[in-house]
């Protein structure tokens, strides 16, 4: 993968509209994590949803917490390098 060309393509908006929700994975205890990403312009928005249950003294209470991180520049390129599949479908010549 040519990181400088991927960065140029990202900043040019060539990956605009690429989105995917990745397979959930288990965390510590009864937690489950779900990662989703969407590309808008030169920014990749990565949302991580953590859900699980905790015991409040009477019953198990479910919870869900979502955090969103916008990635730009080399942080976005590093994310693409870790998960290139959906980006390679748009620009296979870069991978």
PDB file of N, CA and C in Angstrom:
ATOM      1  N   UNK A   1       0.836  -1.180   0.000  1.00  0.00           N
ATOM      2  CA  UNK A   1       0.000   0.000   0.000  1.00  0.00           C
ATOM      3  C   UNK A   1       0.877   1.237   0.000  1.00  0.00           C
ATOM      4  N   UNK A   2       0.576   2.154  -0.897  1.00  0.00           N
ATOM      5  CA  UNK A   2       1.311   3.408  -1.007  1.00  0.00           C
ATOM      6  C   UNK A   2       0.590   4.461  -0.169  1.00  0.00           C
ATOM      7  N   UNK A   3       1.113   4.748   1.031  1.00  0.00           N
ATOM      8  CA  UNK A   3       0.431   5.621   1.984  1.00  0.00           C
ATOM      9  C   UNK A   3       0.233   7.032   1.447  1.00  0.00           C
ATOM     10  N   UNK A   4       1.202   7.565   0.740  1.00  0.00           N
ATOM     11  CA  UNK A   4       1.072   8.942   0.251  1.00  0.00           C
ATOM     12  C   UNK A   4      -0.026   9.041  -0.819  1.00  0.00           C
ATOM     13  N   UNK A   5      -0.130   8.047  -1.682  1.00  0.00           N
ATOM     14  CA  UNK A   5      -1.188   8.062  -2.699  1.00  0.00           C
ATOM     15  C   UNK A   5      -2.556   7.821  -2.086  1.00  0.00           C
ATOM     16  N   UNK A   6      -2.633   6.978  -1.043  1.00  0.00           N
ATOM     17  CA  UNK A   6      -3.903   6.744  -0.348  1.00  0.00           C
ATOM     18  C   UNK A   6      -4.349   8.040   0.328  1.00  0.00           C
ATOM     19  N   UNK A   7      -3.408   8.768   0.933  1.00  0.00           N
ATOM     20  CA  UNK A   7      -3.731  10.039   1.573  1.00  0.00           C
ATOM     21  C   UNK A   7      -4.242  11.049   0.540  1.00  0.00           C
ATOM     22  N   UNK A   8      -3.598  11.102  -0.618  1.00  0.00           N
ATOM     23  CA  UNK A   8      -4.048  11.999  -1.688  1.00  0.00           C
ATOM     24  C   UNK A   8      -5.458  11.635  -2.148  1.00  0.00           C
ATOM     25  N   UNK A   9      -5.738  10.344  -2.304  1.00  0.00           N
ATOM     26  CA  UNK A   9      -7.069   9.899  -2.735  1.00  0.00           C
ATOM     27  C   UNK A   9      -8.113  10.222  -1.673  1.00  0.00           C
ATOM     28  N   UNK A  10      -7.760  10.054  -0.412  1.00  0.00           N
ATOM     29  CA  UNK A  10      -8.685  10.360   0.676  1.00  0.00           C
ATOM     30  C   UNK A  10      -9.009  11.849   0.697  1.00  0.00           C
ATOM     31  N   UNK A  11      -7.988  12.681   0.579  1.00  0.00           N
ATOM     32  CA  UNK A  11      -8.197  14.134   0.604  1.00  0.00           C
ATOM     33  C   UNK A  11      -8.936  14.628  -0.643  1.00  0.00           C
ATOM     34  N   UNK A  12      -8.824  13.898  -1.736  1.00  0.00           N
ATOM     35  CA  UNK A  12      -9.538  14.267  -2.966  1.00  0.00           C
ATOM     36  C   UNK A  12     -10.998  13.816  -2.940  1.00  0.00           C
ATOM     37  N   UNK A  13     -11.386  13.074  -1.897  1.00  0.00           N
ATOM     38  CA  UNK A  13     -12.775  12.634  -1.761  1.00  0.00           C
ATOM     39  C   UNK A  13     -13.113  11.383  -2.547  1.00  0.00           C
ATOM     40  N   UNK A  14     -12.102  10.625  -2.967  1.00  0.00           N
ATOM     41  CA  UNK A  14     -12.365   9.432  -3.772  1.00  0.00           C
ATOM     42  C   UNK A  14     -12.978   8.287  -2.971  1.00  0.00           C
ATOM     43  N   UNK A  15     -12.813   8.309  -1.648  1.00  0.00           N
ATOM     44  CA  UNK A  15     -13.401   7.265  -0.804  1.00  0.00           C
ATOM     45  C   UNK A  15     -14.710   7.732  -0.185  1.00  0.00           C
ATOM     46  N   UNK A  16     -15.215   8.875  -0.610  1.00  0.00           N
ATOM     47  CA  UNK A  16     -16.427   9.451  -0.042  1.00  0.00           C
ATOM     48  C   UNK A  16     -17.592   8.462  -0.159  1.00  0.00           C
ATOM     49  N   UNK A  17     -18.306   8.272   0.936  1.00  0.00           N
ATOM     50  CA  UNK A  17     -19.465   7.382   0.933  1.00  0.00           C
ATOM     51  C   UNK A  17     -19.171   5.955   1.335  1.00  0.00           C
ATOM     52  N   UNK A  18     -17.895   5.581   1.497  1.00  0.00           N
ATOM     53  CA  UNK A  18     -17.560   4.224   1.935  1.00  0.00           C
ATOM     54  C   UNK A  18     -17.938   4.103   3.413  1.00  0.00           C
ATOM     55  N   UNK A  19     -18.711   3.092   3.750  1.00  0.00           N
ATOM     56  CA  UNK A  19     -19.062   2.866   5.148  1.00  0.00           C
ATOM     57  C   UNK A  19     -19.227   1.371   5.386  1.00  0.00           C
ATOM     58  N   UNK A  20     -19.038   0.990   6.627  1.00  0.00           N
ATOM     59  CA  UNK A  20     -19.187  -0.420   6.984  1.00  0.00           C
ATOM     60  C   UNK A  20     -19.308  -0.541   8.494  1.00  0.00           C
ATOM     61  N   UNK A  21     -20.077  -1.527   8.934  1.00  0.00           N
ATOM     62  CA  UNK A  21     -20.165  -1.882  10.345  1.00  0.00           C
ATOM     63  C   UNK A  21     -19.464  -3.214  10.509  1.00  0.00           C
ATOM     64  N   UNK A  22     -18.406  -3.221  11.300  1.00  0.00           N
ATOM     65  CA  UNK A  22     -17.588  -4.421  11.466  1.00  0.00           C
ATOM     66  C   UNK A  22     -18.222  -5.385  12.461  1.00  0.00           C
ATOM     67  N   UNK A  23     -17.808  -6.624  12.394  1.00  0.00           N
ATOM     68  CA  UNK A  23     -18.307  -7.690  13.261  1.00  0.00           C
ATOM     69  C   UNK A  23     -18.067  -7.311  14.724  1.00  0.00           C
ATOM     70  N   UNK A  24     -19.076  -7.457  15.576  1.00  0.00           N
ATOM     71  CA  UNK A  24     -18.865  -7.153  17.002  1.00  0.00           C
ATOM     72  C   UNK A  24     -17.867  -8.124  17.623  1.00  0.00           C
ATOM     73  N   UNK A  25     -17.188  -7.644  18.653  1.00  0.00           N
ATOM     74  CA  UNK A  25     -16.247  -8.513  19.360  1.00  0.00           C
ATOM     75  C   UNK A  25     -16.431  -8.341  20.857  1.00  0.00           C
ATOM     76  N   UNK A  26     -16.085  -9.388  21.602  1.00  0.00           N
ATOM     77  CA  UNK A  26     -16.277  -9.401  23.051  1.00  0.00           C
ATOM     78  C   UNK A  26     -15.144  -8.664  23.741  1.00  0.00           C
ATOM     79  N   UNK A  27     -15.504  -7.979  24.810  1.00  0.00           N
ATOM     80  CA  UNK A  27     -14.526  -7.280  25.633  1.00  0.00           C
ATOM     81  C   UNK A  27     -14.416  -7.954  26.983  1.00  0.00           C
ATOM     82  N   UNK A  28     -13.981  -7.199  27.953  1.00  0.00           N
ATOM     83  CA  UNK A  28     -13.820  -7.700  29.316  1.00  0.00           C
ATOM     84  C   UNK A  28     -15.183  -7.924  29.957  1.00  0.00           C
ATOM     85  N   UNK A  29     -15.355  -9.041  30.620  1.00  0.00           N
ATOM     86  CA  UNK A  29     -16.616  -9.330  31.292  1.00  0.00           C
ATOM     87  C   UNK A  29     -17.733  -9.576  30.302  1.00  0.00           C
ATOM     88  N   UNK A  30     -18.828  -8.868  30.481  1.00  0.00           N
ATOM     89  CA  UNK A  30     -19.999  -9.049  29.626  1.00  0.00           C
ATOM     90  C   UNK A  30     -20.127  -7.943  28.581  1.00  0.00           C
ATOM     91  N   UNK A  31     -19.054  -7.264  28.272  1.00  0.00           N
ATOM     92  CA  UNK A  31     -19.110  -6.178  27.301  1.00  0.00           C
ATOM     93  C   UNK A  31     -18.954  -6.684  25.875  1.00  0.00           C
ATOM     94  N   UNK A  32     -19.618  -5.986  24.962  1.00  0.00           N
ATOM     95  CA  UNK A  32     -19.484  -6.244  23.536  1.00  0.00           C
ATOM     96  C   UNK A  32     -19.171  -4.923  22.861  1.00  0.00           C
ATOM     97  N   UNK A  33     -18.237  -4.953  21.915  1.00  0.00           N
ATOM     98  CA  UNK A  33     -17.840  -3.752  21.197  1.00  0.00           C
ATOM     99  C   UNK A  33     -18.219  -3.891  19.727  1.00  0.00           C
ATOM    100  N   UNK A  34     -18.724  -2.813  19.147  1.00  0.00           N
ATOM    101  CA  UNK A  34     -19.108  -2.772  17.742  1.00  0.00           C
ATOM    102  C   UNK A  34     -18.453  -1.539  17.119  1.00  0.00           C
ATOM    103  N   UNK A  35     -17.690  -1.729  16.051  1.00  0.00           N
ATOM    104  CA  UNK A  35     -17.023  -0.623  15.374  1.00  0.00           C
ATOM    105  C   UNK A  35     -17.688  -0.399  14.021  1.00  0.00           C
ATOM    106  N   UNK A  36     -17.975   0.866  13.730  1.00  0.00           N
ATOM    107  CA  UNK A  36     -18.546   1.247  12.440  1.00  0.00           C
ATOM    108  C   UNK A  36     -17.757   2.428  11.912  1.00  0.00           C
ATOM    109  N   UNK A  37     -17.595   2.492  10.595  1.00  0.00           N
ATOM    110  CA  UNK A  37     -16.874   3.623  10.020  1.00  0.00           C
ATOM    111  C   UNK A  37     -17.646   4.147   8.824  1.00  0.00           C
ATOM    112  N   UNK A  38     -17.478   5.448   8.600  1.00  0.00           N
ATOM    113  CA  UNK A  38     -18.044   6.076   7.412  1.00  0.00           C
ATOM    114  C   UNK A  38     -17.088   7.162   6.962  1.00  0.00           C
ATOM    115  N   UNK A  39     -16.989   7.340   5.648  1.00  0.00           N
ATOM    116  CA  UNK A  39     -16.064   8.303   5.077  1.00  0.00           C
ATOM    117  C   UNK A  39     -16.861   9.457   4.482  1.00  0.00           C
ATOM    118  N   UNK A  40     -16.481  10.657   4.863  1.00  0.00           N
ATOM    119  CA  UNK A  40     -17.112  11.861   4.344  1.00  0.00           C
ATOM    120  C   UNK A  40     -16.007  12.854   4.010  1.00  0.00           C
ATOM    121  N   UNK A  41     -15.800  13.089   2.731  1.00  0.00           N
ATOM    122  CA  UNK A  41     -14.704  13.964   2.317  1.00  0.00           C
ATOM    123  C   UNK A  41     -13.377  13.322   2.658  1.00  0.00           C
ATOM    124  N   UNK A  42     -12.512  14.033   3.341  1.00  0.00           N
ATOM    125  CA  UNK A  42     -11.207  13.504   3.734  1.00  0.00           C
ATOM    126  C   UNK A  42     -11.177  13.017   5.162  1.00  0.00           C
ATOM    127  N   UNK A  43     -12.348  12.801   5.765  1.00  0.00           N
ATOM    128  CA  UNK A  43     -12.439  12.395   7.167  1.00  0.00           C
ATOM    129  C   UNK A  43     -13.106  11.039   7.287  1.00  0.00           C
ATOM    130  N   UNK A  44     -12.522  10.178   8.101  1.00  0.00           N
ATOM    131  CA  UNK A  44     -13.125   8.889   8.431  1.00  0.00           C
ATOM    132  C   UNK A  44     -13.683   9.013   9.846  1.00  0.00           C
ATOM    133  N   UNK A  45     -14.971   8.816   9.998  1.00  0.00           N
ATOM    134  CA  UNK A  45     -15.594   8.847  11.315  1.00  0.00           C
ATOM    135  C   UNK A  45     -15.723   7.416  11.812  1.00  0.00           C
ATOM    136  N   UNK A  46     -15.048   7.124  12.913  1.00  0.00           N
ATOM    137  CA  UNK A  46     -15.063   5.791  13.491  1.00  0.00           C
ATOM    138  C   UNK A  46     -15.903   5.831  14.767  1.00  0.00           C
ATOM    139  N   UNK A  47     -16.983   5.066  14.784  1.00  0.00           N
ATOM    140  CA  UNK A  47     -17.863   5.000  15.946  1.00  0.00           C
ATOM    141  C   UNK A  47     -17.667   3.659  16.627  1.00  0.00           C
ATOM    142  N   UNK A  48     -17.468   3.706  17.942  1.00  0.00           N
ATOM    143  CA  UNK A  48     -17.318   2.484  18.716  1.00  0.00           C
ATOM    144  C   UNK A  48     -18.437   2.440  19.748  1.00  0.00           C
ATOM    145  N   UNK A  49     -19.260   1.410  19.676  1.00  0.00           N
ATOM    146  CA  UNK A  49     -20.370   1.242  20.603  1.00  0.00           C
ATOM    147  C   UNK A  49     -20.032   0.115  21.563  1.00  0.00           C
ATOM    148  N   UNK A  50     -20.050   0.417  22.849  1.00  0.00           N
ATOM    149  CA  UNK A  50     -19.815  -0.577  23.887  1.00  0.00           C
ATOM    150  C   UNK A  50     -21.135  -0.825  24.589  1.00  0.00           C
ATOM    151  N   UNK A  51     -21.521  -2.076  24.661  1.00  0.00           N
ATOM    152  CA  UNK A  51     -22.766  -2.416  25.339  1.00  0.00           C
ATOM    153  C   UNK A  51     -22.534  -3.590  26.277  1.00  0.00           C
ATOM    154  N   UNK A  52     -23.385  -3.690  27.237  1.00  0.00           N
ATOM    155  CA  UNK A  52     -23.265  -4.770  28.210  1.00  0.00           C
ATOM    156  C   UNK A  52     -24.328  -4.630  29.280  1.00  0.00           C
ATOM    157  N   UNK A  53     -24.100  -5.278  30.391  1.00  0.00           N
ATOM    158  CA  UNK A  53     -25.028  -5.237  31.521  1.00  0.00           C
ATOM    159  C   UNK A  53     -24.236  -5.054  32.801  1.00  0.00           C
ATOM    160  N   UNK A  54     -24.841  -4.382  33.780  1.00  0.00           N
ATOM    161  CA  UNK A  54     -24.256  -4.325  35.105  1.00  0.00           C
ATOM    162  C   UNK A  54     -25.351  -4.592  36.132  1.00  0.00           C
ATOM    163  N   UNK A  55     -24.952  -5.094  37.274  1.00  0.00           N
ATOM    164  CA  UNK A  55     -25.901  -5.439  38.335  1.00  0.00           C
ATOM    165  C   UNK A  55     -26.014  -4.252  39.268  1.00  0.00           C
ATOM    166  N   UNK A  56     -27.238  -3.708  39.418  1.00  0.00           N
ATOM    167  CA  UNK A  56     -27.443  -2.521  40.249  1.00  0.00           C
ATOM    168  C   UNK A  56     -27.947  -2.846  41.657  1.00  0.00           C
ATOM    169  N   UNK A  57     -27.818  -4.082  42.063  1.00  0.00           N
ATOM    170  CA  UNK A  57     -28.266  -4.499  43.386  1.00  0.00           C
ATOM    171  C   UNK A  57     -29.596  -5.226  43.365  1.00  0.00           C
ATOM    172  N   UNK A  58     -30.383  -4.994  42.317  1.00  0.00           N
ATOM    173  CA  UNK A  58     -31.685  -5.646  42.211  1.00  0.00           C
ATOM    174  C   UNK A  58     -31.790  -6.499  40.953  1.00  0.00           C
ATOM    175  N   UNK A  59     -31.265  -5.960  39.836  1.00  0.00           N
ATOM    176  CA  UNK A  59     -31.380  -6.673  38.564  1.00  0.00           C
ATOM    177  C   UNK A  59     -30.254  -6.238  37.630  1.00  0.00           C
ATOM    178  N   UNK A  60     -30.091  -6.994  36.554  1.00  0.00           N
ATOM    179  CA  UNK A  60     -29.119  -6.612  35.537  1.00  0.00           C
ATOM    180  C   UNK A  60     -29.685  -5.467  34.710  1.00  0.00           C
ATOM    181  N   UNK A  61     -28.912  -4.419  34.580  1.00  0.00           N
ATOM    182  CA  UNK A  61     -29.341  -3.246  33.829  1.00  0.00           C
ATOM    183  C   UNK A  61     -28.479  -3.108  32.588  1.00  0.00           C
ATOM    184  N   UNK A  62     -29.089  -3.120  31.399  1.00  0.00           N
ATOM    185  CA  UNK A  62     -28.304  -2.984  30.172  1.00  0.00           C
ATOM    186  C   UNK A  62     -27.857  -1.534  29.965  1.00  0.00           C
ATOM    187  N   UNK A  63     -26.726  -1.372  29.312  1.00  0.00           N
ATOM    188  CA  UNK A  63     -26.245  -0.045  28.956  1.00  0.00           C
ATOM    189  C   UNK A  63     -25.592  -0.093  27.582  1.00  0.00           C
ATOM    190  N   UNK A  64     -25.506   1.060  26.966  1.00  0.00           N
ATOM    191  CA  UNK A  64     -24.855   1.188  25.668  1.00  0.00           C
ATOM    192  C   UNK A  64     -24.233   2.579  25.598  1.00  0.00           C
ATOM    193  N   UNK A  65     -22.987   2.643  25.165  1.00  0.00           N
ATOM    194  CA  UNK A  65     -22.257   3.901  25.096  1.00  0.00           C
ATOM    195  C   UNK A  65     -21.538   3.985  23.758  1.00  0.00           C
ATOM    196  N   UNK A  66     -21.724   5.095  23.045  1.00  0.00           N
ATOM    197  CA  UNK A  66     -21.111   5.264  21.733  1.00  0.00           C
ATOM    198  C   UNK A  66     -20.147   6.442  21.756  1.00  0.00           C
ATOM    199  N   UNK A  67     -18.956   6.219  21.219  1.00  0.00           N
ATOM    200  CA  UNK A  67     -17.985   7.301  21.048  1.00  0.00           C
ATOM    201  C   UNK A  67     -17.627   7.382  19.569  1.00  0.00           C
ATOM    202  N   UNK A  68     -17.457   8.593  19.074  1.00  0.00           N
ATOM    203  CA  UNK A  68     -17.116   8.802  17.675  1.00  0.00           C
ATOM    204  C   UNK A  68     -15.810   9.574  17.593  1.00  0.00           C
ATOM    205  N   UNK A  69     -14.870   9.045  16.814  1.00  0.00           N
ATOM    206  CA  UNK A  69     -13.585   9.691  16.605  1.00  0.00           C
ATOM    207  C   UNK A  69     -13.422  10.035  15.136  1.00  0.00           C
ATOM    208  N   UNK A  70     -13.213  11.310  14.810  1.00  0.00           N
ATOM    209  CA  UNK A  70     -12.916  11.668  13.423  1.00  0.00           C
ATOM    210  C   UNK A  70     -11.413  11.479  13.157  1.00  0.00           C
ATOM    211  N   UNK A  71     -11.081  10.792  12.090  1.00  0.00           N
ATOM    212  CA  UNK A  71      -9.684  10.557  11.725  1.00  0.00           C
ATOM    213  C   UNK A  71      -9.375  11.288  10.426  1.00  0.00           C
ATOM    214  N   UNK A  72      -8.273  12.031  10.412  1.00  0.00           N
ATOM    215  CA  UNK A  72      -7.821  12.721   9.215  1.00  0.00           C
ATOM    216  C   UNK A  72      -6.328  12.491   9.046  1.00  0.00           C
ATOM    217  N   UNK A  73      -5.821  12.791   7.896  1.00  0.00           N
ATOM    218  CA  UNK A  73      -4.384  12.697   7.636  1.00  0.00           C
ATOM    219  C   UNK A  73      -3.843  11.291   7.798  1.00  0.00           C
ATOM    220  N   UNK A  74      -2.680  11.194   8.435  1.00  0.00           N
ATOM    221  CA  UNK A  74      -2.020   9.894   8.586  1.00  0.00           C
ATOM    222  C   UNK A  74      -2.765   8.968   9.546  1.00  0.00           C
ATOM    223  N   UNK A  75      -3.531   9.528  10.490  1.00  0.00           N
ATOM    224  CA  UNK A  75      -4.356   8.673  11.352  1.00  0.00           C
ATOM    225  C   UNK A  75      -5.376   7.914  10.514  1.00  0.00           C
ATOM    226  N   UNK A  76      -5.968   8.591   9.538  1.00  0.00           N
ATOM    227  CA  UNK A  76      -6.925   7.941   8.648  1.00  0.00           C
ATOM    228  C   UNK A  76      -6.236   6.907   7.774  1.00  0.00           C
ATOM    229  N   UNK A  77      -5.031   7.214   7.294  1.00  0.00           N
ATOM    230  CA  UNK A  77      -4.290   6.262   6.462  1.00  0.00           C
ATOM    231  C   UNK A  77      -3.934   5.015   7.277  1.00  0.00           C
ATOM    232  N   UNK A  78      -3.562   5.189   8.540  1.00  0.00           N
ATOM    233  CA  UNK A  78      -3.260   4.042   9.401  1.00  0.00           C
ATOM    234  C   UNK A  78      -4.505   3.185   9.619  1.00  0.00           C
ATOM    235  N   UNK A  79      -5.668   3.810   9.760  1.00  0.00           N
ATOM    236  CA  UNK A  79      -6.919   3.052   9.882  1.00  0.00           C
ATOM    237  C   UNK A  79      -7.180   2.263   8.611  1.00  0.00           C
ATOM    238  N   UNK A  80      -6.960   2.895   7.463  1.00  0.00           N
ATOM    239  CA  UNK A  80      -7.148   2.218   6.185  1.00  0.00           C
ATOM    240  C   UNK A  80      -6.183   1.042   6.046  1.00  0.00           C
ATOM    241  N   UNK A  81      -4.948   1.209   6.509  1.00  0.00           N
ATOM    242  CA  UNK A  81      -3.951   0.136   6.425  1.00  0.00           C
ATOM    243  C   UNK A  81      -4.355  -1.074   7.266  1.00  0.00           C
ATOM    244  N   UNK A  82      -5.038  -0.847   8.383  1.00  0.00           N
ATOM    245  CA  UNK A  82      -5.486  -1.943   9.238  1.00  0.00           C
ATOM    246  C   UNK A  82      -6.707  -2.652   8.668  1.00  0.00           C
ATOM    247  N   UNK A  83      -7.537  -1.906   7.919  1.00  0.00           N
ATOM    248  CA  UNK A  83      -8.784  -2.459   7.378  1.00  0.00           C
ATOM    249  C   UNK A  83      -8.948  -2.035   5.920  1.00  0.00           C
ATOM    250  N   UNK A  84      -8.138  -2.560   5.015  1.00  0.00           N
ATOM    251  CA  UNK A  84      -8.132  -2.052   3.643  1.00  0.00           C
ATOM    252  C   UNK A  84      -9.223  -2.587   2.720  1.00  0.00           C
ATOM    253  N   UNK A  85      -9.975  -3.589   3.125  1.00  0.00           N
ATOM    254  CA  UNK A  85     -10.856  -4.303   2.197  1.00  0.00           C
ATOM    255  C   UNK A  85     -11.833  -3.381   1.468  1.00  0.00           C
ATOM    256  N   UNK A  86     -12.597  -2.589   2.186  1.00  0.00           N
ATOM    257  CA  UNK A  86     -13.640  -1.767   1.553  1.00  0.00           C
ATOM    258  C   UNK A  86     -13.045  -0.590   0.783  1.00  0.00           C
ATOM    259  N   UNK A  87     -11.852  -0.155   1.174  1.00  0.00           N
ATOM    260  CA  UNK A  87     -11.185   0.915   0.442  1.00  0.00           C
ATOM    261  C   UNK A  87     -10.570   0.379  -0.843  1.00  0.00           C
ATOM    262  N   UNK A  88     -10.077  -0.856  -0.811  1.00  0.00           N
ATOM    263  CA  UNK A  88      -9.482  -1.475  -1.994  1.00  0.00           C
ATOM    264  C   UNK A  88     -10.519  -1.729  -3.078  1.00  0.00           C
ATOM    265  N   UNK A  89     -11.782  -1.860  -2.693  1.00  0.00           N
ATOM    266  CA  UNK A  89     -12.819  -2.048  -3.702  1.00  0.00           C
ATOM    267  C   UNK A  89     -13.050  -0.780  -4.502  1.00  0.00           C
ATOM    268  N   UNK A  90     -12.799   0.379  -3.888  1.00  0.00           N
ATOM    269  CA  UNK A  90     -12.972   1.660  -4.578  1.00  0.00           C
ATOM    270  C   UNK A  90     -11.761   1.971  -5.449  1.00  0.00           C
ATOM    271  N   UNK A  91     -10.557   1.782  -4.891  1.00  0.00           N
ATOM    272  CA  UNK A  91      -9.326   2.072  -5.621  1.00  0.00           C
ATOM    273  C   UNK A  91      -8.354   0.887  -5.503  1.00  0.00           C
ATOM    274  N   UNK A  92      -8.571  -0.198  -6.252  1.00  0.00           N
ATOM    275  CA  UNK A  92      -7.698  -1.373  -6.137  1.00  0.00           C
ATOM    276  C   UNK A  92      -6.269  -1.098  -6.564  1.00  0.00           C
ATOM    277  N   UNK A  93      -6.033  -0.068  -7.383  1.00  0.00           N
ATOM    278  CA  UNK A  93      -4.679   0.229  -7.850  1.00  0.00           C
ATOM    279  C   UNK A  93      -3.778   0.751  -6.720  1.00  0.00           C
ATOM    280  N   UNK A  94      -4.342   1.183  -5.589  1.00  0.00           N
ATOM    281  CA  UNK A  94      -3.546   1.721  -4.486  1.00  0.00           C
ATOM    282  C   UNK A  94      -3.115   0.654  -3.486  1.00  0.00           C
ATOM    283  N   UNK A  95      -3.686  -0.547  -3.600  1.00  0.00           N
ATOM    284  CA  UNK A  95      -3.419  -1.567  -2.573  1.00  0.00           C
ATOM    285  C   UNK A  95      -2.689  -2.757  -3.110  1.00  0.00           C
TER     286      UNK A  95
END
